[in-house]
Protein backbone atom coordinates (compact mmCIF):
# COMPACT_ATOMS: atom_id res chain seq x y z
CA MET A 1 0.00 0.00 0.00
CA GLU A 2 1.34 3.39 -1.03
CA ASN A 3 1.85 6.19 1.52
CA LEU A 4 0.10 9.18 -0.01
CA LYS A 5 0.68 12.71 1.19
CA GLU A 6 -2.61 14.44 1.79
CA THR A 7 -3.54 17.87 3.03
CA HIS A 8 -4.96 17.70 6.55
CA THR A 9 -6.84 20.28 8.58
CA ILE A 10 -6.06 19.85 12.27
CA SER A 11 -7.99 21.63 15.01
CA VAL A 12 -6.11 22.11 18.28
CA LEU A 13 -7.74 23.43 21.45
CA VAL A 14 -5.08 24.90 23.73
CA GLU A 15 -4.84 26.80 26.97
CA ASN A 16 -4.61 30.49 26.16
CA ARG A 17 -1.14 31.09 27.60
CA PHE A 18 2.03 32.87 26.58
CA GLY A 19 4.32 30.77 24.39
CA VAL A 20 1.83 28.09 23.30
CA LEU A 21 1.89 29.19 19.66
CA SER A 22 5.68 29.11 19.72
CA ARG A 23 5.74 25.59 21.17
CA VAL A 24 3.24 24.28 18.61
CA SER A 25 5.02 25.85 15.64
CA GLY A 26 8.37 24.70 17.08
CA LEU A 27 7.07 21.15 17.22
CA PHE A 28 6.39 21.29 13.47
CA SER A 29 9.65 22.94 12.47
CA GLY A 30 11.74 20.77 14.79
CA ARG A 31 10.52 17.65 13.03
CA GLY A 32 10.62 19.06 9.51
CA TYR A 33 6.84 19.27 9.06
CA ASN A 34 5.47 22.16 7.06
CA ILE A 35 2.54 24.34 8.08
CA SER A 36 0.63 25.54 5.01
CA SER A 37 -1.77 27.66 7.02
CA LEU A 38 -2.12 28.54 10.70
CA THR A 39 -4.86 30.55 12.35
CA VAL A 40 -5.31 31.12 16.06
CA HIS A 41 -8.16 32.74 17.93
CA GLU A 42 -9.51 32.96 21.43
CA THR A 43 -12.60 30.81 21.98
CA ASN A 44 -15.82 31.88 23.69
CA ASP A 45 -13.96 30.98 26.90
CA PRO A 46 -10.95 33.34 27.15
CA ALA A 47 -8.98 30.64 28.98
CA PHE A 48 -8.67 28.71 25.69
CA SER A 49 -7.62 29.35 22.11
CA LYS A 50 -8.25 27.30 19.01
CA MET A 51 -5.64 26.70 16.35
CA THR A 52 -6.49 25.56 12.85
CA ILE A 53 -3.41 24.07 11.22
CA VAL A 54 -3.25 22.97 7.61
CA THR A 55 -0.38 20.60 6.87
CA THR A 56 0.55 17.86 4.44
CA GLY A 57 1.73 14.36 5.18
CA ASP A 58 1.09 10.67 4.86
CA ALA A 59 -0.79 8.74 7.54
CA SER A 60 2.30 8.11 9.67
CA VAL A 61 3.32 11.80 9.64
CA ILE A 62 -0.17 12.92 10.63
CA GLU A 63 -0.24 10.31 13.39
CA GLN A 64 3.11 11.59 14.70
CA ILE A 65 1.87 15.20 14.61
CA HIS A 66 -1.22 14.15 16.56
CA LYS A 67 0.85 12.30 19.18
CA GLN A 68 3.41 15.10 19.54
CA LEU A 69 0.72 17.75 19.92
CA ASN A 70 -0.99 15.70 22.63
CA LYS A 71 2.30 15.60 24.58
CA LEU A 72 2.28 19.38 24.98
CA VAL A 73 0.94 20.30 28.43
CA GLU A 74 -1.19 23.19 27.17
CA VAL A 75 -2.95 21.13 24.50
CA VAL A 76 -6.47 20.16 25.55
CA GLU A 77 -7.73 18.45 22.39
CA VAL A 78 -6.45 17.58 18.92
CA SER A 79 -8.81 16.71 16.06
CA ASP A 80 -7.93 15.89 12.48
CA LEU A 81 -11.00 17.28 10.71
CA THR A 82 -9.99 15.77 7.38
CA GLY A 83 -12.20 12.97 6.18
CA GLY A 84 -14.81 13.50 8.90
CA GLY A 85 -16.32 16.47 7.17
CA PHE A 86 -15.73 20.02 8.19
CA VAL A 87 -16.79 23.53 7.33
CA GLU A 88 -13.93 25.84 6.39
CA ARG A 89 -13.59 29.44 5.32
CA GLU A 90 -10.81 31.81 4.44
CA ILE A 91 -10.70 35.52 3.70
CA SER A 92 -8.52 37.13 1.08
CA LEU A 93 -7.75 40.76 0.30
CA VAL A 94 -6.26 41.42 -3.14
CA LYS A 95 -5.19 44.72 -4.68
CA LEU A 96 -4.99 44.63 -8.47
CA ARG A 97 -3.72 47.16 -10.97
CA THR A 98 -6.57 48.14 -13.29
CA PRO A 99 -5.24 50.92 -15.53
CA THR A 100 -7.99 50.62 -18.15
CA ALA A 101 -11.77 50.54 -18.13
CA GLU A 102 -11.59 47.09 -19.69
CA SER A 103 -9.32 45.64 -17.00
CA ARG A 104 -11.47 47.21 -14.27
CA SER A 105 -14.60 45.70 -15.83
CA GLN A 106 -12.99 42.25 -16.08
CA VAL A 107 -11.93 42.32 -12.43
CA LEU A 108 -15.36 43.50 -11.30
CA GLN A 109 -17.02 40.65 -13.22
CA LEU A 110 -14.78 38.09 -11.53
CA VAL A 111 -15.41 39.63 -8.11
CA GLU A 112 -19.16 39.39 -8.73
CA ILE A 113 -18.95 35.77 -9.89
CA PHE A 114 -17.05 34.88 -6.70
CA ASN A 115 -19.44 36.84 -4.45
CA GLY A 116 -16.65 39.18 -3.41
CA SER A 117 -16.78 42.87 -2.70
CA VAL A 118 -14.75 45.93 -3.60
CA VAL A 119 -13.14 47.43 -0.48
CA SER A 120 -11.04 50.20 -2.04
CA VAL A 121 -10.79 51.91 -5.41
CA SER A 122 -8.34 54.36 -6.94
CA ARG A 123 -7.79 55.67 -10.44
CA ASP A 124 -5.68 52.64 -11.47
CA ALA A 125 -6.30 49.94 -8.85
CA ILE A 126 -9.04 47.97 -7.13
CA ALA A 127 -8.82 46.17 -3.80
CA VAL A 128 -11.25 43.31 -3.31
CA GLU A 129 -12.31 41.02 -0.51
CA LEU A 130 -13.29 37.41 -0.98
CA SER A 131 -14.34 34.91 1.61
CA GLY A 132 -15.23 31.27 1.22
CA ARG A 133 -13.69 27.86 0.93
CA SER A 134 -9.95 27.84 0.33
CA ASP A 135 -10.36 26.08 -3.02
CA ARG A 136 -12.66 28.89 -4.22
CA ILE A 137 -10.08 31.50 -3.20
CA ASP A 138 -7.46 29.44 -5.09
CA ASP A 139 -9.75 29.39 -8.16
CA PHE A 140 -10.11 33.19 -8.04
CA MET A 141 -6.36 33.63 -7.68
CA GLU A 142 -5.82 31.43 -10.73
CA LEU A 143 -8.26 33.51 -12.81
CA ILE A 144 -6.58 36.82 -11.93
CA ARG A 145 -3.08 35.66 -12.85
CA ASP A 146 -3.19 37.81 -16.00
CA PHE A 147 -3.65 40.96 -13.90
CA GLU A 148 -0.89 42.63 -11.94
CA VAL A 149 -1.34 41.81 -8.25
CA ILE A 150 -0.04 44.79 -6.28
CA ASP A 151 -0.61 43.26 -2.86
CA MET A 152 -2.38 40.29 -1.37
CA ALA A 153 -3.19 38.90 2.08
CA ARG A 154 -4.90 35.62 2.95
CA SER A 155 -6.12 34.75 6.40
CA GLY A 156 -5.51 31.04 6.26
CA ARG A 157 -8.14 28.42 6.86
CA VAL A 158 -10.49 28.44 9.82
CA ALA A 159 -12.51 25.29 10.29
CA ILE A 160 -14.95 23.44 12.53
CA ALA A 161 -16.39 19.95 12.35
CA ARG A 162 -19.74 19.69 10.60
CA CYS A 163 -22.85 19.37 12.73
CA ALA A 164 -23.85 15.79 13.45
CA ASN A 165 -26.67 14.79 11.11
CA PRO A 166 -27.03 18.22 9.52
CA ALA A 167 -30.50 19.15 8.37
CA THR A 168 -28.99 20.90 5.37
CA ASP A 169 -25.53 20.95 3.90
CA VAL A 170 -24.89 24.60 3.07
CA ASN A 171 -21.63 25.54 1.36
C-alpha cells in the first residue's frame, strides 16, 4: 500500500497562555513538518484558544503530529478534521492594478462571480475582498493571474467539524 501525502486540517484546542503558539510551531519545524496555514483565535472561553493548522503528510506523519501535539501540556484536544467532514472558510484581500476601463470591468465581473466585494478603489487599482472555501479562493487567484497583483493577504483556513446529522448541507 502506497503512503500518499494528503492535506490535513487539524484543530487544536489549547490553553490560552504565553508561548503556546511558539511551542506548537516549534514542534512542526523541529521535526521538519510544514505548516501551510495557521490561524489562532480565542474561543468563547478566554482561557482557551483554538488553532487551525493545515499541513501535508502521509498517515504516519499525521499520526506523529497528533501524538506530539498531545504531549504538549497546554494542548487540551487535537482533532484531524480531514475525512470526517468540516466547514472551512478563508478571507482574502487582493489589490490589483486596473489601468484601463476594460481591466477594471474584467476584475469587477470576476469579483461578482465569486461573491466578493470591492473594499477600495483608486484611479488605477481595485482592492477586493473574498471569503469562502480555500479552493474557491485558489480558483479566483488562478483567474486573476493575467492581472498585476499589487498586494495580497490571505487569512488562512479556519474550520470546525460539521454538525452531526445536519439538516442541510450549506456551502
